[in-house]
């Protein structure tokens, strides 16, 4: 487990980062994101501290064993929902 790194996702192309799916970006210009230097009314961002990692083969093996479910990309409404229970329920109902 890593507790020393910060990661963020957002919905604004002006901040930069890698587009994960349509309208969802990973990383980018964090100072710009924090200063909200973008003209957007629907600006959304989630910040994550730390991560757990798997190597590619380990994750693929765990998926084959049924330890993980691979779901289609959720809507931004689900991703940026503030209620964790709602996020979980909407995701597993897919």
N, C-alpha and C. Protein backbone atom coordinates (compact mmCIF):
# COMPACT_ATOMS: atom_id res chain seq x y z
N UNK A 1 0.85 -1.18 0.00
CA UNK A 1 0.00 0.00 0.00
C UNK A 1 0.89 1.24 0.00
N UNK A 2 0.50 2.20 -0.77
CA UNK A 2 1.22 3.47 -0.86
C UNK A 2 0.31 4.56 -0.31
N UNK A 3 0.80 5.32 0.64
CA UNK A 3 0.01 6.41 1.22
C UNK A 3 0.68 7.76 0.99
N UNK A 4 1.68 7.81 0.13
CA UNK A 4 2.46 9.03 -0.03
C UNK A 4 2.24 9.75 -1.35
N UNK A 5 1.47 9.17 -2.26
CA UNK A 5 1.25 9.79 -3.56
C UNK A 5 -0.19 10.23 -3.71
N UNK A 6 -0.38 11.31 -4.44
CA UNK A 6 -1.71 11.87 -4.66
C UNK A 6 -2.06 11.73 -6.14
N UNK A 7 -3.29 11.30 -6.40
CA UNK A 7 -3.79 11.14 -7.76
C UNK A 7 -5.12 11.86 -7.86
N UNK A 8 -5.47 12.34 -9.06
CA UNK A 8 -6.77 12.97 -9.20
C UNK A 8 -7.36 12.72 -10.57
N UNK A 9 -8.70 12.73 -10.60
CA UNK A 9 -9.45 12.64 -11.85
C UNK A 9 -10.33 13.87 -11.93
N UNK A 10 -10.68 14.26 -13.15
CA UNK A 10 -11.48 15.48 -13.34
C UNK A 10 -12.17 15.43 -14.69
N UNK A 11 -12.99 16.43 -14.96
CA UNK A 11 -13.76 16.45 -16.20
C UNK A 11 -13.43 17.64 -17.11
N UNK A 12 -12.27 18.25 -16.93
CA UNK A 12 -11.94 19.45 -17.71
C UNK A 12 -10.69 19.26 -18.57
N UNK A 13 -10.83 19.24 -19.90
CA UNK A 13 -9.66 19.06 -20.76
C UNK A 13 -8.62 20.16 -20.61
N UNK A 14 -9.03 21.36 -20.16
CA UNK A 14 -8.10 22.47 -20.00
C UNK A 14 -7.03 22.20 -18.95
N UNK A 15 -7.31 21.30 -18.02
CA UNK A 15 -6.35 20.95 -16.96
C UNK A 15 -5.31 19.98 -17.50
N UNK A 16 -5.63 19.29 -18.57
CA UNK A 16 -4.71 18.31 -19.15
C UNK A 16 -4.89 16.95 -18.52
N UNK A 17 -3.91 16.10 -18.72
CA UNK A 17 -3.97 14.74 -18.22
C UNK A 17 -4.35 13.77 -19.33
N UNK A 18 -4.46 12.51 -18.97
CA UNK A 18 -4.82 11.46 -19.92
C UNK A 18 -6.32 11.25 -19.89
N UNK A 19 -6.95 11.26 -21.07
CA UNK A 19 -8.39 11.02 -21.13
C UNK A 19 -8.62 9.51 -21.01
N UNK A 20 -9.26 9.11 -19.91
CA UNK A 20 -9.52 7.70 -19.62
C UNK A 20 -10.70 7.20 -20.44
N UNK A 21 -11.73 7.99 -20.45
CA UNK A 21 -12.94 7.73 -21.22
C UNK A 21 -13.50 9.09 -21.59
N UNK A 22 -14.53 9.13 -22.38
CA UNK A 22 -15.06 10.40 -22.88
C UNK A 22 -15.37 11.36 -21.73
N UNK A 23 -14.62 12.46 -21.64
CA UNK A 23 -14.87 13.49 -20.64
C UNK A 23 -14.31 13.23 -19.26
N UNK A 24 -13.50 12.18 -19.09
CA UNK A 24 -12.89 11.87 -17.79
C UNK A 24 -11.38 11.81 -17.97
N UNK A 25 -10.68 12.62 -17.16
CA UNK A 25 -9.23 12.75 -17.28
C UNK A 25 -8.54 12.34 -15.99
N UNK A 26 -7.37 11.72 -16.16
CA UNK A 26 -6.52 11.30 -15.05
C UNK A 26 -5.31 12.21 -15.01
N UNK A 27 -5.09 12.85 -13.86
CA UNK A 27 -3.94 13.72 -13.65
C UNK A 27 -4.06 15.01 -14.45
N UNK A 28 -2.96 15.71 -14.63
CA UNK A 28 -2.96 16.98 -15.33
C UNK A 28 -2.23 18.03 -14.50
N UNK A 29 -2.54 19.30 -14.74
CA UNK A 29 -1.92 20.42 -14.05
C UNK A 29 -2.63 20.63 -12.71
N UNK A 30 -2.05 20.08 -11.64
CA UNK A 30 -2.71 20.10 -10.33
C UNK A 30 -2.89 21.52 -9.80
N UNK A 31 -1.90 22.39 -10.00
CA UNK A 31 -2.04 23.78 -9.53
C UNK A 31 -3.21 24.46 -10.22
N UNK A 32 -3.35 24.24 -11.51
CA UNK A 32 -4.47 24.82 -12.25
C UNK A 32 -5.79 24.24 -11.73
N UNK A 33 -5.80 22.96 -11.44
CA UNK A 33 -7.00 22.31 -10.92
C UNK A 33 -7.41 22.88 -9.57
N UNK A 34 -6.43 23.08 -8.69
CA UNK A 34 -6.73 23.61 -7.36
C UNK A 34 -7.14 25.07 -7.39
N UNK A 35 -6.51 25.84 -8.25
CA UNK A 35 -6.83 27.26 -8.35
C UNK A 35 -8.11 27.51 -9.12
N UNK A 36 -8.64 26.44 -9.70
CA UNK A 36 -9.88 26.52 -10.47
C UNK A 36 -9.78 27.63 -11.52
N UNK A 37 -8.67 27.64 -12.25
CA UNK A 37 -8.41 28.65 -13.27
C UNK A 37 -9.05 28.29 -14.60
N UNK A 38 -10.19 27.68 -14.54
CA UNK A 38 -10.89 27.31 -15.77
C UNK A 38 -12.32 27.82 -15.70
N UNK A 39 -12.83 28.31 -16.80
CA UNK A 39 -14.19 28.85 -16.81
C UNK A 39 -15.23 27.76 -17.02
N UNK A 40 -15.52 26.99 -15.99
CA UNK A 40 -16.50 25.91 -16.13
C UNK A 40 -17.43 25.86 -14.93
N UNK A 41 -18.70 25.78 -15.19
CA UNK A 41 -19.68 25.69 -14.11
C UNK A 41 -19.81 24.27 -13.58
N UNK A 42 -19.55 23.29 -14.42
CA UNK A 42 -19.72 21.89 -14.03
C UNK A 42 -18.39 21.21 -13.74
N UNK A 43 -17.45 21.96 -13.17
CA UNK A 43 -16.13 21.43 -12.87
C UNK A 43 -16.23 20.39 -11.76
N UNK A 44 -15.68 19.22 -12.02
CA UNK A 44 -15.68 18.13 -11.03
C UNK A 44 -14.27 17.59 -10.90
N UNK A 45 -13.90 17.25 -9.65
CA UNK A 45 -12.59 16.66 -9.40
C UNK A 45 -12.69 15.77 -8.18
N UNK A 46 -12.00 14.63 -8.22
CA UNK A 46 -11.85 13.76 -7.05
C UNK A 46 -10.37 13.52 -6.85
N UNK A 47 -9.95 13.56 -5.59
CA UNK A 47 -8.55 13.38 -5.24
C UNK A 47 -8.42 12.07 -4.46
N UNK A 48 -7.39 11.30 -4.77
CA UNK A 48 -7.13 10.03 -4.11
C UNK A 48 -5.71 10.06 -3.56
N UNK A 49 -5.54 9.55 -2.35
CA UNK A 49 -4.22 9.47 -1.74
C UNK A 49 -3.86 8.00 -1.62
N UNK A 50 -2.73 7.62 -2.20
CA UNK A 50 -2.25 6.26 -2.12
C UNK A 50 -2.90 5.34 -3.15
N UNK A 51 -2.38 4.14 -3.20
CA UNK A 51 -2.91 3.15 -4.13
C UNK A 51 -2.39 1.77 -3.75
N UNK A 52 -3.04 0.75 -4.26
CA UNK A 52 -2.56 -0.63 -4.22
C UNK A 52 -2.30 -1.01 -5.67
N UNK A 53 -1.26 -1.73 -5.92
CA UNK A 53 -0.94 -2.08 -7.30
C UNK A 53 -0.80 -3.57 -7.50
N UNK A 54 -1.05 -3.98 -8.73
CA UNK A 54 -0.89 -5.36 -9.15
C UNK A 54 -0.05 -5.34 -10.42
N UNK A 55 0.72 -6.40 -10.64
CA UNK A 55 1.34 -6.48 -11.96
C UNK A 55 0.29 -7.02 -12.92
N UNK A 56 0.53 -6.85 -14.20
CA UNK A 56 -0.47 -7.18 -15.23
C UNK A 56 -0.96 -8.62 -15.12
N UNK A 57 -0.05 -9.56 -15.03
CA UNK A 57 -0.44 -10.97 -14.98
C UNK A 57 -1.24 -11.29 -13.72
N UNK A 58 -0.85 -10.72 -12.60
CA UNK A 58 -1.56 -10.97 -11.35
C UNK A 58 -3.00 -10.49 -11.45
N UNK A 59 -3.21 -9.31 -11.98
CA UNK A 59 -4.56 -8.77 -12.10
C UNK A 59 -5.38 -9.62 -13.08
N UNK A 60 -4.80 -9.98 -14.22
CA UNK A 60 -5.53 -10.82 -15.18
C UNK A 60 -5.91 -12.16 -14.57
N UNK A 61 -5.00 -12.77 -13.80
CA UNK A 61 -5.30 -14.03 -13.12
C UNK A 61 -6.45 -13.86 -12.12
N UNK A 62 -6.43 -12.78 -11.36
CA UNK A 62 -7.49 -12.55 -10.38
C UNK A 62 -8.83 -12.29 -11.05
N UNK A 63 -8.83 -11.64 -12.21
CA UNK A 63 -10.07 -11.44 -12.97
C UNK A 63 -10.60 -12.79 -13.44
N UNK A 64 -9.72 -13.63 -13.99
CA UNK A 64 -10.12 -14.97 -14.45
C UNK A 64 -10.69 -15.82 -13.32
N UNK A 65 -10.13 -15.66 -12.12
CA UNK A 65 -10.59 -16.43 -10.96
C UNK A 65 -11.90 -15.90 -10.39
N UNK A 66 -12.37 -14.76 -10.90
CA UNK A 66 -13.63 -14.20 -10.42
C UNK A 66 -13.49 -13.29 -9.22
N UNK A 67 -12.25 -12.90 -8.89
CA UNK A 67 -12.04 -12.01 -7.75
C UNK A 67 -12.44 -10.58 -8.06
N UNK A 68 -12.48 -10.22 -9.35
CA UNK A 68 -12.83 -8.87 -9.79
C UNK A 68 -13.89 -8.95 -10.87
N UNK A 69 -14.70 -7.92 -10.96
CA UNK A 69 -15.66 -7.78 -12.05
C UNK A 69 -15.20 -6.63 -12.93
N UNK A 70 -15.18 -6.86 -14.22
CA UNK A 70 -14.84 -5.81 -15.18
C UNK A 70 -16.15 -5.25 -15.71
N UNK A 71 -16.36 -3.97 -15.51
CA UNK A 71 -17.61 -3.31 -15.89
C UNK A 71 -17.36 -2.32 -17.01
N UNK A 72 -18.42 -2.00 -17.76
CA UNK A 72 -18.28 -0.93 -18.75
C UNK A 72 -18.00 0.40 -18.04
N UNK A 73 -17.47 1.34 -18.78
CA UNK A 73 -17.19 2.66 -18.19
C UNK A 73 -18.47 3.25 -17.62
N UNK A 74 -18.45 3.65 -16.35
CA UNK A 74 -19.64 4.27 -15.75
C UNK A 74 -19.80 5.70 -16.24
N UNK A 75 -20.98 6.24 -16.04
CA UNK A 75 -21.22 7.63 -16.40
C UNK A 75 -20.46 8.55 -15.44
N UNK A 76 -20.22 9.77 -15.89
CA UNK A 76 -19.55 10.74 -15.01
C UNK A 76 -20.41 11.05 -13.80
N UNK A 77 -21.73 10.92 -13.94
CA UNK A 77 -22.63 11.13 -12.80
C UNK A 77 -22.37 10.13 -11.69
N UNK A 78 -22.04 8.91 -12.05
CA UNK A 78 -21.70 7.90 -11.04
C UNK A 78 -20.32 8.19 -10.46
N UNK A 79 -19.36 8.44 -11.32
CA UNK A 79 -17.98 8.66 -10.87
C UNK A 79 -17.88 9.84 -9.90
N UNK A 80 -18.57 10.93 -10.21
CA UNK A 80 -18.44 12.13 -9.39
C UNK A 80 -19.55 12.26 -8.35
N UNK A 81 -20.30 11.19 -8.12
CA UNK A 81 -21.32 11.20 -7.07
C UNK A 81 -20.61 11.26 -5.72
N UNK A 82 -21.13 12.02 -4.78
CA UNK A 82 -20.49 12.17 -3.47
C UNK A 82 -20.85 11.06 -2.49
N UNK A 83 -21.88 10.28 -2.78
CA UNK A 83 -22.33 9.22 -1.88
C UNK A 83 -21.70 7.90 -2.28
N UNK A 84 -20.77 7.41 -1.48
CA UNK A 84 -20.04 6.19 -1.80
C UNK A 84 -20.98 5.00 -1.96
N UNK A 85 -22.00 4.91 -1.13
CA UNK A 85 -22.96 3.81 -1.24
C UNK A 85 -23.67 3.84 -2.58
N UNK A 86 -24.06 5.02 -3.01
CA UNK A 86 -24.73 5.16 -4.31
C UNK A 86 -23.79 4.75 -5.43
N UNK A 87 -22.54 5.18 -5.37
CA UNK A 87 -21.57 4.80 -6.40
C UNK A 87 -21.47 3.28 -6.48
N UNK A 88 -21.33 2.64 -5.34
CA UNK A 88 -21.20 1.18 -5.30
C UNK A 88 -22.45 0.52 -5.88
N UNK A 89 -23.62 0.90 -5.40
CA UNK A 89 -24.86 0.27 -5.84
C UNK A 89 -25.10 0.47 -7.33
N UNK A 90 -24.88 1.66 -7.84
CA UNK A 90 -25.08 1.92 -9.26
C UNK A 90 -24.06 1.16 -10.11
N UNK A 91 -22.86 0.97 -9.59
CA UNK A 91 -21.82 0.27 -10.35
C UNK A 91 -22.08 -1.24 -10.42
N UNK A 92 -22.43 -1.85 -9.30
CA UNK A 92 -22.64 -3.30 -9.32
C UNK A 92 -23.97 -3.71 -9.92
N UNK A 93 -24.90 -2.78 -10.06
CA UNK A 93 -26.17 -3.08 -10.72
C UNK A 93 -26.03 -3.13 -12.23
N UNK A 94 -24.89 -2.75 -12.77
CA UNK A 94 -24.68 -2.71 -14.23
C UNK A 94 -24.60 -4.11 -14.80
